Amino acid sequence: MPLLSIPSPSTAWQYFDLTAWLRSTFGVSMPLDFRIHAYAICILIGIVICVLLTNSRMNARGVERGIIIDIALWAVPAGIIGGRAFHVISHVDDYFGPGIDPLSVFYIWEGGLAIFGALILGSLGAWIGCRMSGIRFSAFIDAAAPGVLLAQAAGRLGNYFNHELFGMPTSLPWGLQIEASNPAYPKGLPEGVLFHPTFLYEIIWNVVGAVLILLIDRRFRLQWGRVMALYLIWYGTGRSVLESIRVDTSETFAGIRTNVWMSFAAILLGLVIFLVQSRRHVGKEPSPYLPGREPRSKSDVDSDDTYSEHDTTTGVADPEPVATVADRR
């Protein structure tokens, strides 16, 4: 076996058993088991990276700090639901059948979030959040595109800890070691075979893509959804290749994996968005805010002037009313 091969992570790295730690350290007994999975931590790190980078890019365009949280509260849960739903739909045999616990559909800590499903429902959630926050949807997705790639890169690291989504056998020195007991280990292969670390390839592809998109955006100041278009083209191209060499089972149509079809659709959608928006909008976005939803300036709400009930519009106090004869009586 090559000395440079990537070792399979120990199962001890898959999760941290909080219940067992509390019991052994403090003698505290808990009725339920609480485990912090490495996959979940990677997903959370990706979300934080995306939110911080998106917030920074939106702030640079004049958007109020922290408004990203209002949008993320809609986009993130919707994205997780969409990602899980799409994964289950594209791997039906893994979740439904004799001897399979139907509740495993909800066990997202075991892995299984499809980015295309996350993009579809996550975009819907982001659109709702943008409408409620008064932000242009095109401005938001352009700000989020590089962060989404970095979030995906962090999420792919979780696949390594879960021993999943590896590629076909390879003799390359950086081949991945996978235990023969792994359910995804190809039948008929002897123990000790190395596999393509497709998760690593995608991490590199996504990080490089995020850097390139940031540089292109800085040079050309792309708006109206065209940064997101670049993301769709870049990610779709890489995913269509990497998906073709993975060994995990998934639904196919016309002999082609579902995710490969989705990659082709992402590329096509990205090209259409870029071309249509380039023709439709030759100028810059007037504002990252929707018309009439711009925040009030400080001068509109703060003032050093004070008024009393006797003040007039000229700022001169009204004279005291003169008592009439009737009043004096």
Protein backbone atom coordinates (compact mmCIF):
# COMPACT_ATOMS: atom_id res chain seq x y z
CA MET A 1 0.00 0.00 0.00
CA PRO A 2 1.44 3.43 -0.95
CA LEU A 3 2.88 5.38 1.96
CA LEU A 4 1.04 8.54 0.89
CA SER A 5 -2.42 6.98 0.89
CA ILE A 6 -5.17 8.73 2.87
CA PRO A 7 -6.07 6.63 5.93
CA SER A 8 -9.67 5.94 6.74
CA PRO A 9 -10.62 7.95 9.85
CA SER A 10 -11.13 6.05 13.06
CA THR A 11 -14.76 5.54 14.05
CA ALA A 12 -13.85 7.38 17.27
CA TRP A 13 -13.62 10.55 15.18
CA GLN A 14 -17.15 10.18 13.84
CA TYR A 15 -18.79 11.56 16.96
CA PHE A 16 -18.14 12.74 20.51
CA ASP A 17 -20.25 10.86 23.05
CA LEU A 18 -21.25 13.65 25.43
CA THR A 19 -23.26 11.32 27.66
CA ALA A 20 -20.36 8.92 28.22
CA TRP A 21 -17.98 11.82 28.87
CA LEU A 22 -20.24 13.35 31.52
CA ARG A 23 -20.66 9.95 33.15
CA SER A 24 -16.93 9.17 33.27
CA THR A 25 -15.82 12.70 34.23
CA PHE A 26 -18.50 13.89 36.66
CA GLY A 27 -20.48 10.74 37.36
CA VAL A 28 -23.57 12.36 35.84
CA SER A 29 -26.12 9.92 34.46
CA MET A 30 -28.45 11.04 31.66
CA PRO A 31 -31.57 9.23 30.44
CA LEU A 32 -30.72 9.81 26.77
CA ASP A 33 -27.57 9.50 24.67
CA PHE A 34 -26.20 12.75 23.27
CA ARG A 35 -23.56 12.53 20.56
CA ILE A 36 -21.94 15.39 18.67
CA HIS A 37 -21.21 14.07 15.17
CA ALA A 38 -18.23 15.29 13.16
CA TYR A 39 -20.45 15.49 10.07
CA ALA A 40 -22.81 17.90 11.83
CA ILE A 41 -19.89 20.03 13.04
CA CYS A 42 -18.57 20.29 9.46
CA ILE A 43 -22.01 21.36 8.22
CA LEU A 44 -22.30 23.97 10.96
CA ILE A 45 -18.81 25.32 10.22
CA GLY A 46 -19.80 25.62 6.56
CA ILE A 47 -22.97 27.53 7.46
CA VAL A 48 -21.02 29.94 9.68
CA ILE A 49 -18.43 30.57 6.95
CA CYS A 50 -21.15 31.24 4.40
CA VAL A 51 -23.08 33.58 6.68
CA LEU A 52 -19.99 35.58 7.66
CA LEU A 53 -18.70 35.98 4.11
CA THR A 54 -22.14 36.83 2.76
CA ASN A 55 -22.67 39.38 5.51
CA SER A 56 -19.30 40.99 4.73
CA ARG A 57 -20.08 41.22 1.02
CA MET A 58 -23.53 42.67 1.66
CA ASN A 59 -22.14 45.21 4.14
CA ALA A 60 -19.67 46.32 1.48
CA ARG A 61 -22.68 47.24 -0.69
CA GLY A 62 -24.29 49.27 2.07
CA VAL A 63 -26.63 46.70 3.61
CA GLU A 64 -27.17 47.02 7.36
CA ARG A 65 -25.05 44.72 9.51
CA GLY A 66 -26.80 41.67 10.84
CA ILE A 67 -29.61 41.62 8.30
CA ILE A 68 -28.11 38.38 6.98
CA ILE A 69 -29.42 36.67 10.12
CA ASP A 70 -33.01 37.56 9.16
CA ILE A 71 -32.49 35.90 5.78
CA ALA A 72 -30.52 32.92 7.12
CA LEU A 73 -33.34 32.06 9.52
CA TRP A 74 -35.41 31.23 6.45
CA ALA A 75 -32.72 29.96 4.08
CA VAL A 76 -30.77 27.57 6.33
CA PRO A 77 -33.66 25.40 7.65
CA ALA A 78 -35.22 25.29 4.18
CA GLY A 79 -31.86 24.28 2.70
CA ILE A 80 -31.38 21.45 5.21
CA ILE A 81 -34.89 20.13 4.57
CA GLY A 82 -34.44 20.36 0.81
CA GLY A 83 -31.02 18.74 0.92
CA ARG A 84 -32.26 15.81 2.97
CA ALA A 85 -35.40 15.33 0.90
CA PHE A 86 -33.48 15.28 -2.38
CA HIS A 87 -30.94 12.81 -0.99
CA VAL A 88 -33.66 10.43 0.16
CA ILE A 89 -35.48 10.69 -3.18
CA SER A 90 -32.27 9.92 -5.09
CA HIS A 91 -31.40 6.99 -2.74
CA VAL A 92 -34.80 5.41 -2.18
CA ASP A 93 -33.49 1.86 -1.71
CA ASP A 94 -31.33 2.99 1.23
CA TYR A 95 -34.32 4.19 3.25
CA PHE A 96 -37.30 2.07 2.26
CA GLY A 97 -37.51 -1.69 2.15
CA PRO A 98 -37.53 -4.86 4.28
CA GLY A 99 -35.56 -4.51 7.51
CA ILE A 100 -34.94 -0.78 7.09
CA ASP A 101 -36.01 1.59 9.84
CA PRO A 102 -38.28 4.16 8.13
CA LEU A 103 -37.25 6.75 10.72
CA SER A 104 -33.73 6.67 9.27
CA VAL A 105 -35.04 9.20 6.77
CA PHE A 106 -34.56 11.79 9.51
CA TYR A 107 -31.10 10.64 10.67
CA ILE A 108 -29.21 13.44 8.97
CA TRP A 109 -26.28 13.08 11.40
CA GLU A 110 -25.44 9.85 9.58
CA GLY A 111 -24.81 11.84 6.40
CA GLY A 112 -26.90 12.51 3.34
CA LEU A 113 -27.58 16.13 2.36
CA ALA A 114 -27.87 16.71 -1.39
CA ILE A 115 -26.64 20.14 -2.43
CA PHE A 116 -29.09 20.44 -5.31
CA GLY A 117 -32.06 19.95 -3.02
CA ALA A 118 -30.51 22.40 -0.57
CA LEU A 119 -30.13 24.96 -3.36
CA ILE A 120 -33.73 24.61 -4.50
CA LEU A 121 -35.48 24.93 -1.15
CA GLY A 122 -32.74 27.09 0.33
CA SER A 123 -33.23 29.59 -2.50
CA LEU A 124 -36.95 29.63 -1.81
CA GLY A 125 -36.29 30.29 1.88
CA ALA A 126 -33.78 33.02 0.98
CA TRP A 127 -36.31 34.65 -1.35
CA ILE A 128 -38.86 34.77 1.46
CA GLY A 129 -36.25 36.18 3.83
CA CYS A 130 -35.23 38.81 1.28
CA ARG A 131 -38.83 39.89 0.71
CA MET A 132 -39.39 40.27 4.43
CA SER A 133 -36.09 42.12 4.92
CA GLY A 134 -36.45 44.38 1.89
CA ILE A 135 -33.34 43.04 0.12
CA ARG A 136 -33.08 42.38 -3.61
CA PHE A 137 -32.91 38.64 -4.14
CA SER A 138 -30.35 39.06 -6.93
CA ALA A 139 -28.11 41.11 -4.63
CA PHE A 140 -28.31 38.46 -1.93
CA ILE A 141 -27.53 35.43 -4.10
CA ASP A 142 -24.61 37.24 -5.69
CA ALA A 143 -23.22 37.99 -2.24
CA ALA A 144 -23.82 34.40 -1.08
CA ALA A 145 -22.40 32.48 -4.07
CA PRO A 146 -18.71 32.30 -2.98
CA GLY A 147 -19.75 31.48 0.58
CA VAL A 148 -21.95 28.63 -0.62
CA LEU A 149 -18.94 27.03 -2.34
CA LEU A 150 -16.88 27.30 0.84
CA ALA A 151 -19.76 25.88 2.88
CA GLN A 152 -19.92 22.90 0.52
CA ALA A 153 -16.18 22.40 0.91
CA ALA A 154 -16.56 22.23 4.70
CA GLY A 155 -19.49 19.85 4.37
CA ARG A 156 -17.47 17.49 2.15
CA LEU A 157 -14.97 17.08 4.97
CA GLY A 158 -17.83 15.52 6.91
CA ASN A 159 -18.04 12.80 4.24
CA TYR A 160 -14.48 11.82 5.15
CA PHE A 161 -15.38 11.34 8.82
CA ASN A 162 -18.47 9.32 7.82
CA HIS A 163 -16.46 7.04 5.48
CA GLU A 164 -18.77 7.81 2.55
CA LEU A 165 -19.00 9.13 -1.00
CA PHE A 166 -15.62 7.83 -2.15
CA GLY A 167 -14.77 7.07 -5.76
CA MET A 168 -13.73 4.09 -7.82
CA PRO A 169 -10.59 2.03 -7.09
CA THR A 170 -7.31 3.74 -7.90
CA SER A 171 -3.58 3.06 -7.78
CA LEU A 172 -2.75 6.73 -7.24
CA PRO A 173 -0.55 7.40 -4.18
CA TRP A 174 -3.22 9.58 -2.54
CA GLY A 175 -5.84 6.84 -2.72
CA LEU A 176 -8.26 6.57 0.21
CA GLN A 177 -8.23 3.61 2.58
CA ILE A 178 -11.70 2.23 3.29
CA GLU A 179 -12.47 -0.71 5.56
CA ALA A 180 -13.93 -3.73 3.77
CA SER A 181 -16.82 -3.79 6.27
CA ASN A 182 -18.13 -0.46 4.92
CA PRO A 183 -21.61 -1.00 3.39
CA ALA A 184 -20.52 0.96 0.30
CA TYR A 185 -17.39 -1.18 -0.23
CA PRO A 186 -17.74 -2.74 -3.72
CA LYS A 187 -18.52 -6.44 -3.53
CA GLY A 188 -15.87 -8.76 -4.90
CA LEU A 189 -12.93 -6.46 -4.21
CA PRO A 190 -10.23 -7.69 -1.83
CA GLU A 191 -9.47 -5.79 1.35
CA GLY A 192 -6.83 -3.08 1.08
CA VAL A 193 -7.95 -1.56 -2.24
CA LEU A 194 -7.57 2.22 -2.44
CA PHE A 195 -10.30 4.53 -3.74
CA HIS A 196 -10.49 8.00 -5.23
CA PRO A 197 -11.08 10.55 -2.41
CA THR A 198 -13.80 12.36 -4.35
CA PHE A 199 -14.71 14.43 -1.31
CA LEU A 200 -11.15 15.83 -1.36
CA TYR A 201 -11.37 16.58 -5.08
CA GLU A 202 -14.58 18.50 -4.53
CA ILE A 203 -13.14 20.41 -1.56
CA ILE A 204 -10.29 21.61 -3.77
CA TRP A 205 -12.63 22.38 -6.68
CA ASN A 206 -14.97 24.40 -4.48
CA VAL A 207 -12.24 26.40 -2.75
CA VAL A 208 -10.57 27.24 -6.07
CA GLY A 209 -13.96 28.21 -7.51
CA ALA A 210 -14.74 30.50 -4.57
CA VAL A 211 -11.39 32.30 -4.97
CA LEU A 212 -11.84 32.69 -8.75
CA ILE A 213 -15.40 34.00 -8.41
CA LEU A 214 -14.27 36.54 -5.79
CA LEU A 215 -11.48 37.74 -8.09
CA ILE A 216 -13.78 37.95 -11.13
CA ASP A 217 -16.41 39.82 -9.14
CA ARG A 218 -13.82 42.27 -7.82
CA ARG A 219 -12.60 42.93 -11.36
CA PHE A 220 -15.93 43.22 -13.19
CA ARG A 221 -18.42 44.03 -10.38
CA LEU A 222 -20.99 41.53 -11.59
CA GLN A 223 -24.57 42.01 -10.38
CA TRP A 224 -28.16 41.03 -11.17
CA GLY A 225 -27.55 37.36 -10.33
CA ARG A 226 -24.54 36.87 -12.58
CA VAL A 227 -22.20 35.91 -9.72
CA MET A 228 -24.60 33.11 -8.81
CA ALA A 229 -24.64 32.14 -12.49
CA LEU A 230 -20.86 31.66 -12.35
CA TYR A 231 -21.31 29.50 -9.27
CA LEU A 232 -23.84 27.26 -11.03
CA ILE A 233 -21.59 26.84 -14.07
CA TRP A 234 -18.47 26.16 -12.01
CA TYR A 235 -20.02 23.77 -9.52
CA GLY A 236 -22.13 21.97 -12.11
CA THR A 237 -19.07 21.31 -14.27
CA GLY A 238 -17.01 19.88 -11.44
CA ARG A 239 -19.84 17.87 -9.94
CA SER A 240 -20.78 16.27 -13.28
CA VAL A 241 -17.27 14.79 -13.49
CA LEU A 242 -16.82 13.80 -9.86
CA GLU A 243 -20.28 12.26 -9.59
CA SER A 244 -19.42 9.93 -12.48
CA ILE A 245 -16.56 8.26 -10.59
CA ARG A 246 -18.33 7.73 -7.26
CA VAL A 247 -19.27 4.19 -6.22
CA ASP A 248 -22.27 4.93 -3.97
CA THR A 249 -25.63 3.86 -5.30
CA SER A 250 -28.17 6.43 -6.46
CA GLU A 251 -31.13 6.62 -8.81
CA THR A 252 -30.38 6.78 -12.52
CA PHE A 253 -32.30 7.95 -15.59
CA ALA A 254 -31.25 6.78 -19.05
CA GLY A 255 -28.21 5.23 -17.42
CA ILE A 256 -27.03 8.54 -15.94
CA ARG A 257 -27.06 9.40 -12.24
CA THR A 258 -29.66 11.85 -10.96
CA ASN A 259 -26.99 14.22 -9.68
CA VAL A 260 -25.23 14.25 -13.05
CA TRP A 261 -28.49 15.33 -14.69
CA MET A 262 -28.84 18.00 -12.02
CA SER A 263 -25.29 19.14 -12.72
CA PHE A 264 -26.12 19.55 -16.39
CA ALA A 265 -29.24 21.50 -15.41
CA ALA A 266 -27.15 23.75 -13.14
CA ILE A 267 -24.73 24.52 -15.97
CA LEU A 268 -27.58 25.31 -18.37
CA LEU A 269 -29.38 27.45 -15.81
CA GLY A 270 -26.19 29.35 -15.04
CA LEU A 271 -25.59 30.09 -18.73
CA VAL A 272 -29.18 31.25 -19.23
CA ILE A 273 -29.08 33.53 -16.17
CA PHE A 274 -25.77 35.08 -17.19
CA LEU A 275 -26.81 35.74 -20.81
CA VAL A 276 -30.34 36.95 -20.07
CA GLN A 277 -29.32 39.21 -17.19
CA SER A 278 -26.41 40.64 -19.18
CA ARG A 279 -28.83 41.71 -21.92
CA ARG A 280 -31.65 42.81 -19.64
CA HIS A 281 -29.54 44.84 -17.21
CA VAL A 282 -26.70 46.78 -18.80
CA GLY A 283 -26.27 49.05 -15.76
CA LYS A 284 -25.63 48.46 -12.09
CA GLU A 285 -28.24 47.66 -9.48
CA PRO A 286 -29.51 50.95 -8.09
CA SER A 287 -29.45 49.56 -4.57
CA PRO A 288 -29.22 46.21 -2.76
CA TYR A 289 -32.57 47.15 -1.21
CA LEU A 290 -35.93 46.78 -2.89
CA PRO A 291 -37.50 50.08 -4.02
CA GLY A 292 -38.95 51.92 -1.04
CA ARG A 293 -37.37 49.52 1.48
CA GLU A 294 -34.13 51.44 2.08
CA PRO A 295 -33.41 52.05 5.77
CA ARG A 296 -34.10 55.55 7.09
CA SER A 297 -31.00 57.64 7.52
CA LYS A 298 -29.96 58.80 10.98
CA SER A 299 -30.94 62.37 10.20
CA ASP A 300 -34.51 61.22 9.57
CA VAL A 301 -34.98 59.89 13.06
CA ASP A 302 -32.52 61.84 15.23
CA SER A 303 -32.73 65.56 15.95
CA ASP A 304 -31.31 67.97 18.49
CA ASP A 305 -34.43 70.18 18.30
CA THR A 306 -37.02 70.01 21.06
CA TYR A 307 -40.65 70.97 20.77
CA SER A 308 -43.47 71.72 23.17
CA GLU A 309 -47.19 71.82 22.69
CA HIS A 310 -46.95 75.61 22.13
CA ASP A 311 -44.40 75.38 19.29
CA THR A 312 -45.34 76.40 15.77
CA THR A 313 -43.88 75.26 12.51
CA THR A 314 -41.65 78.35 12.54
CA GLY A 315 -40.08 77.36 15.81
CA VAL A 316 -41.43 80.48 17.61
CA ALA A 317 -43.63 79.88 20.60
CA ASP A 318 -47.26 80.90 20.26
CA PRO A 319 -48.23 83.89 22.44
CA GLU A 320 -50.33 83.22 25.47
CA PRO A 321 -54.02 83.40 24.55
CA VAL A 322 -55.72 86.66 25.48
CA ALA A 323 -58.56 86.20 27.91
CA THR A 324 -61.93 87.39 26.63
CA VAL A 325 -64.52 89.28 28.60
CA ALA A 326 -66.52 86.07 28.88
CA ASP A 327 -63.51 84.23 30.31
CA ARG A 328 -63.04 86.85 33.02
CA ARG A 329 -66.57 86.60 34.18
